[in-house]
Amino acid sequence: EQGLLRQLTKKLAERALEAEMEHHLGYAKHDPAGKKSGNSRNG
């Protein structure tokens, strides 16, 4: 239940979701280019 495979799956999936969000917004997290872009991360 707390094994390596499950942890890896969780970490890789969450990293992939962050990459999708970055592609959607057009800028990386904490990138100043995001200011006044009209959209941003929201938790």
PDB file of all heavy atoms in Angstrom:
ATOM      1  N   GLU A   1       0.821  -1.212   0.000  1.00  0.00           N
ATOM      2  CA  GLU A   1       0.000   0.000   0.000  1.00  0.00           C
ATOM      3  C   GLU A   1       0.854   1.261   0.000  1.00  0.00           C
ATOM      4  O   GLU A   1       0.497   2.269  -0.602  1.00  0.00           O
ATOM      5  CB  GLU A   1      -0.938  -0.013   1.216  1.00  0.00           C
ATOM      6  CG  GLU A   1      -1.947   1.112   1.204  1.00  0.00           C
ATOM      7  CD  GLU A   1      -2.969   0.972   2.320  1.00  0.00           C
ATOM      8  OE1 GLU A   1      -3.050  -0.120   2.921  1.00  0.00           O
ATOM      9  OE2 GLU A   1      -3.689   1.954   2.573  1.00  0.00           O
ATOM     10  N   GLN A   2       1.996   1.237   0.723  1.00  0.00           N
ATOM     11  CA  GLN A   2       2.920   2.366   0.736  1.00  0.00           C
ATOM     12  C   GLN A   2       4.200   2.024  -0.016  1.00  0.00           C
ATOM     13  O   GLN A   2       5.257   2.606   0.236  1.00  0.00           O
ATOM     14  CB  GLN A   2       3.249   2.761   2.198  1.00  0.00           C
ATOM     15  CG  GLN A   2       2.051   3.185   3.016  1.00  0.00           C
ATOM     16  CD  GLN A   2       1.354   4.408   2.442  1.00  0.00           C
ATOM     17  OE1 GLN A   2       2.017   5.306   1.919  1.00  0.00           O
ATOM     18  NE2 GLN A   2       0.028   4.446   2.529  1.00  0.00           N
ATOM     19  N   GLY A   3       4.094   1.063  -0.921  1.00  0.00           N
ATOM     20  CA  GLY A   3       5.269   0.580  -1.643  1.00  0.00           C
ATOM     21  C   GLY A   3       5.795   1.556  -2.682  1.00  0.00           C
ATOM     22  O   GLY A   3       5.166   2.563  -3.019  1.00  0.00           O
ATOM     23  N   LEU A   4       6.966   1.200  -3.206  1.00  0.00           N
ATOM     24  CA  LEU A   4       7.664   2.072  -4.148  1.00  0.00           C
ATOM     25  C   LEU A   4       6.856   2.308  -5.427  1.00  0.00           C
ATOM     26  O   LEU A   4       6.790   3.436  -5.927  1.00  0.00           O
ATOM     27  CB  LEU A   4       9.027   1.452  -4.490  1.00  0.00           C
ATOM     28  CG  LEU A   4       9.862   2.193  -5.536  1.00  0.00           C
ATOM     29  CD1 LEU A   4      10.245   3.584  -5.034  1.00  0.00           C
ATOM     30  CD2 LEU A   4      11.116   1.392  -5.886  1.00  0.00           C
ATOM     31  N   LEU A   5       6.225   1.264  -5.959  1.00  0.00           N
ATOM     32  CA  LEU A   5       5.505   1.403  -7.220  1.00  0.00           C
ATOM     33  C   LEU A   5       4.352   2.396  -7.103  1.00  0.00           C
ATOM     34  O   LEU A   5       4.130   3.219  -7.993  1.00  0.00           O
ATOM     35  CB  LEU A   5       4.990   0.043  -7.698  1.00  0.00           C
ATOM     36  CG  LEU A   5       6.050  -0.929  -8.224  1.00  0.00           C
ATOM     37  CD1 LEU A   5       5.413  -2.260  -8.596  1.00  0.00           C
ATOM     38  CD2 LEU A   5       6.770  -0.341  -9.429  1.00  0.00           C
ATOM     39  N   ARG A   6       3.635   2.317  -5.988  1.00  0.00           N
ATOM     40  CA  ARG A   6       2.513   3.245  -5.809  1.00  0.00           C
ATOM     41  C   ARG A   6       3.016   4.676  -5.631  1.00  0.00           C
ATOM     42  O   ARG A   6       2.447   5.628  -6.172  1.00  0.00           O
ATOM     43  CB  ARG A   6       1.664   2.808  -4.621  1.00  0.00           C
ATOM     44  CG  ARG A   6       0.351   3.567  -4.514  1.00  0.00           C
ATOM     45  CD  ARG A   6      -0.540   3.056  -3.419  1.00  0.00           C
ATOM     46  NE  ARG A   6      -1.044   1.715  -3.695  1.00  0.00           N
ATOM     47  CZ  ARG A   6      -2.044   1.152  -3.025  1.00  0.00           C
ATOM     48  NH1 ARG A   6      -2.650   1.806  -2.040  1.00  0.00           N
ATOM     49  NH2 ARG A   6      -2.444  -0.066  -3.309  1.00  0.00           N
ATOM     50  N   GLN A   7       4.110   4.826  -4.863  1.00  0.00           N
ATOM     51  CA  GLN A   7       4.671   6.169  -4.657  1.00  0.00           C
ATOM     52  C   GLN A   7       5.195   6.764  -5.966  1.00  0.00           C
ATOM     53  O   GLN A   7       5.002   7.948  -6.253  1.00  0.00           O
ATOM     54  CB  GLN A   7       5.808   6.111  -3.636  1.00  0.00           C
ATOM     55  CG  GLN A   7       5.362   5.781  -2.209  1.00  0.00           C
ATOM     56  CD  GLN A   7       6.532   5.796  -1.245  1.00  0.00           C
ATOM     57  OE1 GLN A   7       7.264   6.779  -1.173  1.00  0.00           O
ATOM     58  NE2 GLN A   7       6.724   4.690  -0.519  1.00  0.00           N
ATOM     59  N   LEU A   8       5.875   5.907  -6.763  1.00  0.00           N
ATOM     60  CA  LEU A   8       6.384   6.376  -8.046  1.00  0.00           C
ATOM     61  C   LEU A   8       5.251   6.803  -8.979  1.00  0.00           C
ATOM     62  O   LEU A   8       5.335   7.824  -9.663  1.00  0.00           O
ATOM     63  CB  LEU A   8       7.211   5.279  -8.712  1.00  0.00           C
ATOM     64  CG  LEU A   8       8.697   5.200  -8.358  1.00  0.00           C
ATOM     65  CD1 LEU A   8       9.317   3.985  -9.017  1.00  0.00           C
ATOM     66  CD2 LEU A   8       9.432   6.476  -8.763  1.00  0.00           C
ATOM     67  N   THR A   9       4.195   5.997  -8.998  1.00  0.00           N
ATOM     68  CA  THR A   9       3.049   6.317  -9.848  1.00  0.00           C
ATOM     69  C   THR A   9       2.459   7.663  -9.456  1.00  0.00           C
ATOM     70  O   THR A   9       2.140   8.493 -10.308  1.00  0.00           O
ATOM     71  CB  THR A   9       1.980   5.218  -9.748  1.00  0.00           C
ATOM     72  OG1 THR A   9       2.548   3.957 -10.112  1.00  0.00           O
ATOM     73  CG2 THR A   9       0.798   5.508 -10.665  1.00  0.00           C
ATOM     74  N   LYS A  10       2.329   7.890  -8.156  1.00  0.00           N
ATOM     75  CA  LYS A  10       1.780   9.161  -7.660  1.00  0.00           C
ATOM     76  C   LYS A  10       2.686  10.332  -8.047  1.00  0.00           C
ATOM     77  O   LYS A  10       2.213  11.337  -8.597  1.00  0.00           O
ATOM     78  CB  LYS A  10       1.635   9.092  -6.136  1.00  0.00           C
ATOM     79  CG  LYS A  10       1.233  10.415  -5.473  1.00  0.00           C
ATOM     80  CD  LYS A  10       1.095  10.242  -3.968  1.00  0.00           C
ATOM     81  CE  LYS A  10       0.959  11.586  -3.267  1.00  0.00           C
ATOM     82  NZ  LYS A  10      -0.285  12.303  -3.647  1.00  0.00           N
ATOM     83  N   LYS A  11       3.986  10.201  -7.790  1.00  0.00           N
ATOM     84  CA  LYS A  11       4.916  11.294  -8.067  1.00  0.00           C
ATOM     85  C   LYS A  11       4.979  11.619  -9.563  1.00  0.00           C
ATOM     86  O   LYS A  11       4.964  12.785  -9.970  1.00  0.00           O
ATOM     87  CB  LYS A  11       6.316  10.923  -7.562  1.00  0.00           C
ATOM     88  CG  LYS A  11       6.434  10.833  -6.044  1.00  0.00           C
ATOM     89  CD  LYS A  11       6.335  12.203  -5.401  1.00  0.00           C
ATOM     90  CE  LYS A  11       6.588  12.129  -3.897  1.00  0.00           C
ATOM     91  NZ  LYS A  11       6.433  13.459  -3.252  1.00  0.00           N
ATOM     92  N   LEU A  12       5.063  10.559 -10.391  1.00  0.00           N
ATOM     93  CA  LEU A  12       5.152  10.768 -11.833  1.00  0.00           C
ATOM     94  C   LEU A  12       3.865  11.381 -12.385  1.00  0.00           C
ATOM     95  O   LEU A  12       3.906  12.266 -13.254  1.00  0.00           O
ATOM     96  CB  LEU A  12       5.438   9.434 -12.537  1.00  0.00           C
ATOM     97  CG  LEU A  12       6.842   8.861 -12.342  1.00  0.00           C
ATOM     98  CD1 LEU A  12       6.916   7.446 -12.901  1.00  0.00           C
ATOM     99  CD2 LEU A  12       7.884   9.750 -13.005  1.00  0.00           C
ATOM    100  N   ALA A  13       2.709  10.920 -11.876  1.00  0.00           N
ATOM    101  CA  ALA A  13       1.440  11.460 -12.344  1.00  0.00           C
ATOM    102  C   ALA A  13       1.306  12.931 -11.971  1.00  0.00           C
ATOM    103  O   ALA A  13       0.889  13.762 -12.795  1.00  0.00           O
ATOM    104  CB  ALA A  13       0.279  10.652 -11.760  1.00  0.00           C
ATOM    105  N   GLU A  14       1.679  13.272 -10.732  1.00  0.00           N
ATOM    106  CA  GLU A  14       1.578  14.662 -10.298  1.00  0.00           C
ATOM    107  C   GLU A  14       2.558  15.559 -11.059  1.00  0.00           C
ATOM    108  O   GLU A  14       2.236  16.705 -11.391  1.00  0.00           O
ATOM    109  CB  GLU A  14       1.808  14.755  -8.797  1.00  0.00           C
ATOM    110  CG  GLU A  14       0.659  14.160  -7.993  1.00  0.00           C
ATOM    111  CD  GLU A  14       0.879  14.195  -6.492  1.00  0.00           C
ATOM    112  OE1 GLU A  14       2.048  14.370  -6.055  1.00  0.00           O
ATOM    113  OE2 GLU A  14      -0.105  14.043  -5.756  1.00  0.00           O
ATOM    114  N   ARG A  15       3.761  15.030 -11.353  1.00  0.00           N
ATOM    115  CA  ARG A  15       4.720  15.809 -12.137  1.00  0.00           C
ATOM    116  C   ARG A  15       4.184  16.051 -13.554  1.00  0.00           C
ATOM    117  O   ARG A  15       4.336  17.138 -14.115  1.00  0.00           O
ATOM    118  CB  ARG A  15       6.054  15.066 -12.187  1.00  0.00           C
ATOM    119  CG  ARG A  15       7.168  15.805 -12.935  1.00  0.00           C
ATOM    120  CD  ARG A  15       7.573  17.094 -12.205  1.00  0.00           C
ATOM    121  NE  ARG A  15       8.135  16.807 -10.908  1.00  0.00           N
ATOM    122  CZ  ARG A  15       9.433  16.530 -10.688  1.00  0.00           C
ATOM    123  NH1 ARG A  15      10.284  16.489 -11.710  1.00  0.00           N
ATOM    124  NH2 ARG A  15       9.876  16.317  -9.471  1.00  0.00           N
ATOM    125  N   ALA A  16       3.550  15.012 -14.125  1.00  0.00           N
ATOM    126  CA  ALA A  16       2.976  15.141 -15.464  1.00  0.00           C
ATOM    127  C   ALA A  16       1.830  16.154 -15.471  1.00  0.00           C
ATOM    128  O   ALA A  16       1.681  16.933 -16.427  1.00  0.00           O
ATOM    129  CB  ALA A  16       2.480  13.783 -15.956  1.00  0.00           C
ATOM    130  N   LEU A  17       1.030  16.167 -14.422  1.00  0.00           N
ATOM    131  CA  LEU A  17      -0.068  17.128 -14.325  1.00  0.00           C
ATOM    132  C   LEU A  17       0.463  18.558 -14.224  1.00  0.00           C
ATOM    133  O   LEU A  17      -0.107  19.486 -14.815  1.00  0.00           O
ATOM    134  CB  LEU A  17      -0.949  16.797 -13.111  1.00  0.00           C
ATOM    135  CG  LEU A  17      -1.825  15.549 -13.249  1.00  0.00           C
ATOM    136  CD1 LEU A  17      -2.419  15.154 -11.898  1.00  0.00           C
ATOM    137  CD2 LEU A  17      -2.942  15.778 -14.262  1.00  0.00           C
ATOM    138  N   GLU A  18       1.557  18.737 -13.475  1.00  0.00           N
ATOM    139  CA  GLU A  18       2.174  20.057 -13.384  1.00  0.00           C
ATOM    140  C   GLU A  18       2.695  20.500 -14.754  1.00  0.00           C
ATOM    141  O   GLU A  18       2.585  21.673 -15.128  1.00  0.00           O
ATOM    142  CB  GLU A  18       3.323  20.037 -12.369  1.00  0.00           C
ATOM    143  CG  GLU A  18       2.880  19.963 -10.920  1.00  0.00           C
ATOM    144  CD  GLU A  18       2.225  21.259 -10.453  1.00  0.00           C
ATOM    145  OE1 GLU A  18       2.266  22.272 -11.181  1.00  0.00           O
ATOM    146  OE2 GLU A  18       1.651  21.251  -9.342  1.00  0.00           O
ATOM    147  N   ALA A  19       3.256  19.552 -15.508  1.00  0.00           N
ATOM    148  CA  ALA A  19       3.752  19.876 -16.848  1.00  0.00           C
ATOM    149  C   ALA A  19       2.592  20.263 -17.770  1.00  0.00           C
ATOM    150  O   ALA A  19       2.726  21.178 -18.596  1.00  0.00           O
ATOM    151  CB  ALA A  19       4.509  18.682 -17.425  1.00  0.00           C
ATOM    152  N   GLU A  20       1.467  19.579 -17.618  1.00  0.00           N
ATOM    153  CA  GLU A  20       0.284  19.927 -18.415  1.00  0.00           C
ATOM    154  C   GLU A  20      -0.196  21.337 -18.077  1.00  0.00           C
ATOM    155  O   GLU A  20      -0.586  22.100 -18.971  1.00  0.00           O
ATOM    156  CB  GLU A  20      -0.838  18.909 -18.157  1.00  0.00           C
ATOM    157  CG  GLU A  20      -0.663  17.583 -18.875  1.00  0.00           C
ATOM    158  CD  GLU A  20      -1.958  16.768 -18.872  1.00  0.00           C
ATOM    159  OE1 GLU A  20      -2.995  17.311 -19.278  1.00  0.00           O
ATOM    160  OE2 GLU A  20      -1.919  15.598 -18.463  1.00  0.00           O
ATOM    161  N   MET A  21      -0.192  21.663 -16.787  1.00  0.00           N
ATOM    162  CA  MET A  21      -0.627  22.998 -16.371  1.00  0.00           C
ATOM    163  C   MET A  21       0.311  24.066 -16.925  1.00  0.00           C
ATOM    164  O   MET A  21      -0.138  25.125 -17.413  1.00  0.00           O
ATOM    165  CB  MET A  21      -0.678  23.089 -14.844  1.00  0.00           C
ATOM    166  CG  MET A  21      -1.004  24.482 -14.303  1.00  0.00           C
ATOM    167  SD  MET A  21      -2.631  25.098 -14.847  1.00  0.00           S
ATOM    168  CE  MET A  21      -3.694  24.263 -13.670  1.00  0.00           C
ATOM    169  N   GLU A  22       1.609  23.799 -16.887  1.00  0.00           N
ATOM    170  CA  GLU A  22       2.578  24.758 -17.422  1.00  0.00           C
ATOM    171  C   GLU A  22       2.346  24.988 -18.912  1.00  0.00           C
ATOM    172  O   GLU A  22       2.398  26.123 -19.400  1.00  0.00           O
ATOM    173  CB  GLU A  22       4.003  24.230 -17.190  1.00  0.00           C
ATOM    174  CG  GLU A  22       5.087  25.188 -17.642  1.00  0.00           C
ATOM    175  CD  GLU A  22       6.473  24.701 -17.272  1.00  0.00           C
ATOM    176  OE1 GLU A  22       6.632  24.145 -16.154  1.00  0.00           O
ATOM    177  OE2 GLU A  22       7.390  24.863 -18.101  1.00  0.00           O
ATOM    178  N   HIS A  23       2.082  23.921 -19.626  1.00  0.00           N
ATOM    179  CA  HIS A  23       1.806  24.045 -21.056  1.00  0.00           C
ATOM    180  C   HIS A  23       0.505  24.817 -21.293  1.00  0.00           C
ATOM    181  O   HIS A  23       0.413  25.634 -22.223  1.00  0.00           O
ATOM    182  CB  HIS A  23       1.706  22.652 -21.685  1.00  0.00           C
ATOM    183  CG  HIS A  23       1.369  22.673 -23.145  1.00  0.00           C
ATOM    184  ND1 HIS A  23       2.286  22.988 -24.117  1.00  0.00           N
ATOM    185  CD2 HIS A  23       0.186  22.422 -23.800  1.00  0.00           C
ATOM    186  CE1 HIS A  23       1.708  22.932 -25.303  1.00  0.00           C
ATOM    187  NE2 HIS A  23       0.437  22.601 -25.140  1.00  0.00           N
ATOM    188  N   HIS A  24      -0.485  24.579 -20.432  1.00  0.00           N
ATOM    189  CA  HIS A  24      -1.787  25.249 -20.575  1.00  0.00           C
ATOM    190  C   HIS A  24      -1.651  26.752 -20.341  1.00  0.00           C
ATOM    191  O   HIS A  24      -2.219  27.563 -21.100  1.00  0.00           O
ATOM    192  CB  HIS A  24      -2.772  24.652 -19.568  1.00  0.00           C
ATOM    193  CG  HIS A  24      -4.096  25.357 -19.511  1.00  0.00           C
ATOM    194  ND1 HIS A  24      -5.012  25.323 -20.535  1.00  0.00           N
ATOM    195  CD2 HIS A  24      -4.652  26.140 -18.532  1.00  0.00           C
ATOM    196  CE1 HIS A  24      -6.071  26.033 -20.208  1.00  0.00           C
ATOM    197  NE2 HIS A  24      -5.883  26.546 -18.993  1.00  0.00           N
ATOM    198  N   LEU A  25      -0.898  27.142 -19.315  1.00  0.00           N
ATOM    199  CA  LEU A  25      -0.757  28.557 -18.978  1.00  0.00           C
ATOM    200  C   LEU A  25       0.248  29.266 -19.888  1.00  0.00           C
ATOM    201  O   LEU A  25       0.136  30.471 -20.133  1.00  0.00           O
ATOM    202  CB  LEU A  25      -0.335  28.715 -17.516  1.00  0.00           C
ATOM    203  CG  LEU A  25      -1.348  28.248 -16.466  1.00  0.00           C
ATOM    204  CD1 LEU A  25      -0.739  28.355 -15.067  1.00  0.00           C
ATOM    205  CD2 LEU A  25      -2.630  29.075 -16.541  1.00  0.00           C
ATOM    206  N   GLY A  26       1.243  28.518 -20.339  1.00  0.00           N
ATOM    207  CA  GLY A  26       2.253  29.117 -21.210  1.00  0.00           C
ATOM    208  C   GLY A  26       3.454  29.661 -20.475  1.00  0.00           C
ATOM    209  O   GLY A  26       4.303  30.328 -21.085  1.00  0.00           O
ATOM    210  N   TYR A  27       3.542  29.397 -19.181  1.00  0.00           N
ATOM    211  CA  TYR A  27       4.715  29.852 -18.416  1.00  0.00           C
ATOM    212  C   TYR A  27       4.920  28.937 -17.209  1.00  0.00           C
ATOM    213  O   TYR A  27       3.983  28.292 -16.734  1.00  0.00           O
ATOM    214  CB  TYR A  27       4.556  31.302 -17.956  1.00  0.00           C
ATOM    215  CG  TYR A  27       3.371  31.539 -17.038  1.00  0.00           C
ATOM    216  CD1 TYR A  27       3.501  31.409 -15.648  1.00  0.00           C
ATOM    217  CD2 TYR A  27       2.137  31.911 -17.557  1.00  0.00           C
ATOM    218  CE1 TYR A  27       2.420  31.632 -14.809  1.00  0.00           C
ATOM    219  CE2 TYR A  27       1.050  32.142 -16.731  1.00  0.00           C
ATOM    220  CZ  TYR A  27       1.199  31.997 -15.350  1.00  0.00           C
ATOM    221  OH  TYR A  27       0.127  32.202 -14.528  1.00  0.00           O
ATOM    222  N   ALA A  28       6.165  28.867 -16.723  1.00  0.00           N
ATOM    223  CA  ALA A  28       6.517  27.995 -15.609  1.00  0.00           C
ATOM    224  C   ALA A  28       6.079  28.616 -14.285  1.00  0.00           C
ATOM    225  O   ALA A  28       5.791  29.819 -14.196  1.00  0.00           O
ATOM    226  CB  ALA A  28       8.024  27.738 -15.604  1.00  0.00           C
ATOM    227  N   LYS A  29       6.055  27.774 -13.277  1.00  0.00           N
ATOM    228  CA  LYS A  29       5.681  28.243 -11.939  1.00  0.00           C
ATOM    229  C   LYS A  29       6.690  29.290 -11.462  1.00  0.00           C
ATOM    230  O   LYS A  29       7.903  29.135 -11.641  1.00  0.00           O
ATOM    231  CB  LYS A  29       5.646  27.052 -10.986  1.00  0.00           C
ATOM    232  CG  LYS A  29       4.903  27.308  -9.693  1.00  0.00           C
ATOM    233  CD  LYS A  29       4.760  26.017  -8.908  1.00  0.00           C
ATOM    234  CE  LYS A  29       3.931  26.234  -7.650  1.00  0.00           C
ATOM    235  NZ  LYS A  29       3.750  24.964  -6.889  1.00  0.00           N
ATOM    236  N   HIS A  30       6.200  30.376 -10.862  1.00  0.00           N
ATOM    237  CA  HIS A  30       6.999  31.495 -10.350  1.00  0.00           C
ATOM    238  C   HIS A  30       7.666  32.312 -11.463  1.00  0.00           C
ATOM    239  O   HIS A  30       8.526  33.153 -11.184  1.00  0.00           O
ATOM    240  CB  HIS A  30       8.084  31.005  -9.368  1.00  0.00           C
ATOM    241  CG  HIS A  30       7.547  30.163  -8.254  1.00  0.00           C
ATOM    242  ND1 HIS A  30       6.538  30.595  -7.409  1.00  0.00           N
ATOM    243  CD2 HIS A  30       7.891  28.907  -7.845  1.00  0.00           C
ATOM    244  CE1 HIS A  30       6.268  29.637  -6.526  1.00  0.00           C
ATOM    245  NE2 HIS A  30       7.069  28.597  -6.762  1.00  0.00           N
ATOM    246  N   ASP A  31       7.304  32.079 -12.700  1.00  0.00           N
ATOM    247  CA  ASP A  31       7.871  32.840 -13.812  1.00  0.00           C
ATOM    248  C   ASP A  31       7.186  34.211 -13.870  1.00  0.00           C
ATOM    249  O   ASP A  31       5.953  34.288 -13.908  1.00  0.00           O
ATOM    250  CB  ASP A  31       7.653  32.085 -15.121  1.00  0.00           C
ATOM    251  CG  ASP A  31       8.416  32.705 -16.285  1.00  0.00           C
ATOM    252  OD1 ASP A  31       8.700  33.920 -16.240  1.00  0.00           O
ATOM    253  OD2 ASP A  31       8.716  31.964 -17.253  1.00  0.00           O
ATOM    254  N   PRO A  32       7.970  35.321 -13.860  1.00  0.00           N
ATOM    255  CA  PRO A  32       7.360  36.666 -13.931  1.00  0.00           C
ATOM    256  C   PRO A  32       6.484  36.859 -15.165  1.00  0.00           C
ATOM    257  O   PRO A  32       5.614  37.731 -15.182  1.00  0.00           O
ATOM    258  CB  PRO A  32       8.587  37.584 -13.984  1.00  0.00           C
ATOM    259  CG  PRO A  32       9.696  36.789 -13.368  1.00  0.00           C
ATOM    260  CD  PRO A  32       9.430  35.367 -13.739  1.00  0.00           C
ATOM    261  N   ALA A  33       6.703  36.021 -16.193  1.00  0.00           N
ATOM    262  CA  ALA A  33       5.909  36.163 -17.413  1.00  0.00           C
ATOM    263  C   ALA A  33       4.431  35.912 -17.168  1.00  0.00           C
ATOM    264  O   ALA A  33       3.580  36.289 -17.977  1.00  0.00           O
ATOM    265  CB  ALA A  33       6.426  35.194 -18.487  1.00  0.00           C
ATOM    266  N   GLY A  34       4.131  35.295 -16.012  1.00  0.00           N
ATOM    267  CA  GLY A  34       2.745  34.987 -15.714  1.00  0.00           C
ATOM    268  C   GLY A  34       1.933  36.167 -15.232  1.00  0.00           C
ATOM    269  O   GLY A  34       0.692  36.130 -15.237  1.00  0.00           O
ATOM    270  N   LYS A  35       2.620  37.221 -14.818  1.00  0.00           N
ATOM    271  CA  LYS A  35       1.902  38.402 -14.343  1.00  0.00           C
ATOM    272  C   LYS A  35       1.135  39.067 -15.489  1.00  0.00           C
ATOM    273  O   LYS A  35       1.651  39.231 -16.592  1.00  0.00           O
ATOM    274  CB  LYS A  35       2.886  39.395 -13.727  1.00  0.00           C
ATOM    275  CG  LYS A  35       3.538  38.889 -12.443  1.00  0.00           C
ATOM    276  CD  LYS A  35       4.481  39.924 -11.855  1.00  0.00           C
ATOM    277  CE  LYS A  35       5.099  39.407 -10.545  1.00  0.00           C
ATOM    278  NZ  LYS A  35       6.033  40.408  -9.957  1.00  0.00           N
ATOM    279  N   LYS A  36      -0.082  39.397 -15.191  1.00  0.00           N
ATOM    280  CA  LYS A  36      -0.973  40.045 -16.175  1.00  0.00           C
ATOM    281  C   LYS A  36      -1.216  39.169 -17.402  1.00  0.00           C
ATOM    282  O   LYS A  36      -1.504  39.676 -18.490  1.00  0.00           O
ATOM    283  CB  LYS A  36      -0.390  41.395 -16.605  1.00  0.00           C
ATOM    284  CG  LYS A  36      -0.243  42.389 -15.469  1.00  0.00           C
ATOM    285  CD  LYS A  36       0.313  43.708 -15.965  1.00  0.00           C
ATOM    286  CE  LYS A  36       0.486  44.689 -14.811  1.00  0.00           C
ATOM    287  NZ  LYS A  36       1.023  46.010 -15.270  1.00  0.00           N
ATOM    288  N   SER A  37      -1.076  37.865 -17.223  1.00  0.00           N
ATOM    289  CA  SER A  37      -1.317  36.951 -18.351  1.00  0.00           C
ATOM    290  C   SER A  37      -2.800  36.639 -18.529  1.00  0.00           C
ATOM    291  O   SER A  37      -3.208  36.098 -19.552  1.00  0.00           O
ATOM    292  CB  SER A  37      -0.552  35.638 -18.140  1.00  0.00           C
ATOM    293  OG  SER A  37      -1.048  34.952 -16.998  1.00  0.00           O
ATOM    294  N   GLY A  38      -3.584  36.958 -17.514  1.00  0.00           N
ATOM    295  CA  GLY A  38      -5.014  36.698 -17.598  1.00  0.00           C
ATOM    296  C   GLY A  38      -5.434  35.386 -16.959  1.00  0.00           C
ATOM    297  O   GLY A  38      -6.628  35.128 -16.791  1.00  0.00           O
ATOM    298  N   ASN A  39      -4.463  34.570 -16.578  1.00  0.00           N
ATOM    299  CA  ASN A  39      -4.782  33.303 -15.909  1.00  0.00           C
ATOM    300  C   ASN A  39      -3.569  32.879 -15.091  1.00  0.00           C
ATOM    301  O   ASN A  39      -2.427  33.206 -15.429  1.00  0.00           O
ATOM    302  CB  ASN A  39      -5.138  32.222 -16.929  1.00  0.00           C
ATOM    303  CG  ASN A  39      -5.858  31.036 -16.286  1.00  0.00           C
ATOM    304  OD1 ASN A  39      -6.193  31.071 -15.103  1.00  0.00           O
ATOM    305  ND2 ASN A  39      -6.110  30.010 -17.072  1.00  0.00           N
ATOM    306  N   SER A  40      -3.806  32.145 -14.012  1.00  0.00           N
ATOM    307  CA  SER A  40      -2.708  31.707 -13.156  1.00  0.00           C
ATOM    308  C   SER A  40      -3.125  30.475 -12.370  1.00  0.00           C
ATOM    309  O   SER A  40      -4.278  30.063 -12.396  1.00  0.00           O
ATOM    310  CB  SER A  40      -2.310  32.832 -12.193  1.00  0.00           C
ATOM    311  OG  SER A  40      -3.416  33.157 -11.341  1.00  0.00           O
ATOM    312  N   ARG A  41      -2.156  29.865 -11.690  1.00  0.00           N
ATOM    313  CA  ARG A  41      -2.449  28.700 -10.851  1.00  0.00           C
ATOM    314  C   ARG A  41      -3.345  29.107  -9.683  1.00  0.00           C
ATOM    315  O   ARG A  41      -3.267  30.230  -9.183  1.00  0.00           O
ATOM    316  CB  ARG A  41      -1.145  28.091 -10.333  1.00  0.00           C
ATOM    317  CG  ARG A  41      -0.339  27.393 -11.428  1.00  0.00           C
ATOM    318  CD  ARG A  41       1.066  27.022 -10.933  1.00  0.00           C
ATOM    319  NE  ARG A  41       1.773  26.225 -11.925  1.00  0.00           N
ATOM    320  CZ  ARG A  41       2.374  26.729 -12.994  1.00  0.00           C
ATOM    321  NH1 ARG A  41       2.336  28.044 -13.205  1.00  0.00           N
ATOM    322  NH2 ARG A  41       2.998  25.944 -13.838  1.00  0.00           N
ATOM    323  N   ASN A  42      -4.152  28.152  -9.238  1.00  0.00           N
ATOM    324  CA  ASN A  42      -5.094  28.447  -8.157  1.00  0.00           C
ATOM    325  C   ASN A  42      -5.197  27.259  -7.205  1.00  0.00           C
ATOM    326  O   ASN A  42      -6.270  26.730  -6.952  1.00  0.00           O
ATOM    327  CB  ASN A  42      -6.469  28.784  -8.749  1.00  0.00           C
ATOM    328  CG  ASN A  42      -7.449  29.274  -7.696  1.00  0.00           C
ATOM    329  OD1 ASN A  42      -7.041  29.904  -6.709  1.00  0.00           O
ATOM    330  ND2 ASN A  42      -8.729  28.996  -7.895  1.00  0.00           N
ATOM    331  N   GLY A  43      -4.042  26.819  -6.713  1.00  0.00           N
ATOM    332  CA  GLY A  43      -4.037  25.723  -5.750  1.00  0.00           C
ATOM    333  C   GLY A  43      -4.222  24.355  -6.402  1.00  0.00           C
ATOM    334  O   GLY A  43      -4.071  24.192  -7.616  1.00  0.00           O
TER     335      GLY A  43
END
